[in-house]
Amino acid sequence: MKLSQIEKIARSLGIKNAWKYSKKELIKTIQRQEGNFDCFGTATDFCNQMDCLWRMDCLTN
């Protein structure tokens, strides 16, 4: 997902100054805002969060 799309999601969740975050930091902030684990980029070969919006980006990171 492109950073501009991620920033749009962040703004819709009320996260201010989204442009200050790196992609990874912004996604983790969104995950926390949604009440999920802030685990983006930590999976090594497996992820059991099948419904996560960030799953494919995370596993290819």
C-alpha atoms as a PDB file:
ATOM      1  CA  MET A   1       0.000   0.000   0.000  1.00  0.00           C
ATOM      2  CA  LYS A   2       1.302   3.453  -0.843  1.00  0.00           C
ATOM      3  CA  LEU A   3       2.169   5.889   1.930  1.00  0.00           C
ATOM      4  CA  SER A   4      -0.435   8.390   0.698  1.00  0.00           C
ATOM      5  CA  GLN A   5      -3.155   5.749   1.145  1.00  0.00           C
ATOM      6  CA  ILE A   6      -1.897   4.930   4.631  1.00  0.00           C
ATOM      7  CA  GLU A   7      -1.876   8.614   5.576  1.00  0.00           C
ATOM      8  CA  LYS A   8      -5.493   8.899   4.408  1.00  0.00           C
ATOM      9  CA  ILE A   9      -6.482   5.987   6.664  1.00  0.00           C
ATOM     10  CA  ALA A  10      -4.591   7.586   9.551  1.00  0.00           C
ATOM     11  CA  ARG A  11      -6.409  10.900   9.084  1.00  0.00           C
ATOM     12  CA  SER A  12      -9.764   9.107   9.002  1.00  0.00           C
ATOM     13  CA  LEU A  13      -8.895   7.633  12.409  1.00  0.00           C
ATOM     14  CA  GLY A  14      -8.002  11.043  13.821  1.00  0.00           C
ATOM     15  CA  ILE A  15      -4.236  10.561  13.791  1.00  0.00           C
ATOM     16  CA  LYS A  16      -2.685  13.993  13.400  1.00  0.00           C
ATOM     17  CA  ASN A  17       0.549  14.843  11.570  1.00  0.00           C
ATOM     18  CA  ALA A  18       0.628  11.495   9.772  1.00  0.00           C
ATOM     19  CA  TRP A  19       3.323  12.866   7.462  1.00  0.00           C
ATOM     20  CA  LYS A  20       5.805  12.883  10.375  1.00  0.00           C
ATOM     21  CA  TYR A  21       5.798   9.086  10.686  1.00  0.00           C
ATOM     22  CA  SER A  22       7.706   6.501   8.685  1.00  0.00           C
ATOM     23  CA  LYS A  23       5.491   3.958   6.920  1.00  0.00           C
ATOM     24  CA  LYS A  24       6.191   1.332   9.580  1.00  0.00           C
ATOM     25  CA  GLU A  25       5.572   3.721  12.502  1.00  0.00           C
ATOM     26  CA  LEU A  26       2.360   5.009  10.949  1.00  0.00           C
ATOM     27  CA  ILE A  27       0.956   1.522  10.382  1.00  0.00           C
ATOM     28  CA  LYS A  28       1.785   0.548  13.977  1.00  0.00           C
ATOM     29  CA  THR A  29       0.039   3.717  15.192  1.00  0.00           C
ATOM     30  CA  ILE A  30      -3.022   2.833  13.120  1.00  0.00           C
ATOM     31  CA  GLN A  31      -2.993  -0.710  14.486  1.00  0.00           C
ATOM     32  CA  ARG A  32      -3.005   0.625  18.063  1.00  0.00           C
ATOM     33  CA  GLN A  33      -5.755   3.134  17.219  1.00  0.00           C
ATOM     34  CA  GLU A  34      -7.882   0.274  15.877  1.00  0.00           C
ATOM     35  CA  GLY A  35      -7.326  -1.708  19.101  1.00  0.00           C
ATOM     36  CA  ASN A  36      -5.087  -4.305  17.449  1.00  0.00           C
ATOM     37  CA  PHE A  37      -1.575  -5.501  18.175  1.00  0.00           C
ATOM     38  CA  ASP A  38       1.043  -3.084  16.815  1.00  0.00           C
ATOM     39  CA  CYS A  39       3.007  -5.900  15.238  1.00  0.00           C
ATOM     40  CA  PHE A  40       3.660  -4.608  11.704  1.00  0.00           C
ATOM     41  CA  GLY A  41       7.015  -5.797  10.418  1.00  0.00           C
ATOM     42  CA  THR A  42       7.654  -8.261  13.234  1.00  0.00           C
ATOM     43  CA  ALA A  43       6.444 -11.510  11.614  1.00  0.00           C
ATOM     44  CA  THR A  44       9.286 -13.789  10.594  1.00  0.00           C
ATOM     45  CA  ASP A  45       7.625 -16.398   8.358  1.00  0.00           C
ATOM     46  CA  PHE A  46       4.159 -16.740   9.756  1.00  0.00           C
ATOM     47  CA  CYS A  47       1.301 -14.467  10.746  1.00  0.00           C
ATOM     48  CA  ASN A  48      -1.948 -15.682  12.269  1.00  0.00           C
ATOM     49  CA  GLN A  49      -3.703 -12.315  11.811  1.00  0.00           C
ATOM     50  CA  MET A  50      -5.586 -13.324   8.657  1.00  0.00           C
ATOM     51  CA  ASP A  51      -7.961 -10.330   8.666  1.00  0.00           C
ATOM     52  CA  CYS A  52      -5.260  -7.702   9.143  1.00  0.00           C
ATOM     53  CA  LEU A  53      -5.315  -4.953   6.525  1.00  0.00           C
ATOM     54  CA  TRP A  54      -1.511  -4.814   6.584  1.00  0.00           C
ATOM     55  CA  ARG A  55      -0.787  -8.554   6.398  1.00  0.00           C
ATOM     56  CA  MET A  56       0.597  -8.715   2.843  1.00  0.00           C
ATOM     57  CA  ASP A  57       2.750  -5.592   3.283  1.00  0.00           C
ATOM     58  CA  CYS A  58       4.001  -6.921   6.593  1.00  0.00           C
ATOM     59  CA  LEU A  59       5.024 -10.336   5.280  1.00  0.00           C
ATOM     60  CA  THR A  60       6.856  -8.817   2.317  1.00  0.00           C
ATOM     61  CA  ASN A  61       8.721  -6.313   4.514  1.00  0.00           C
END
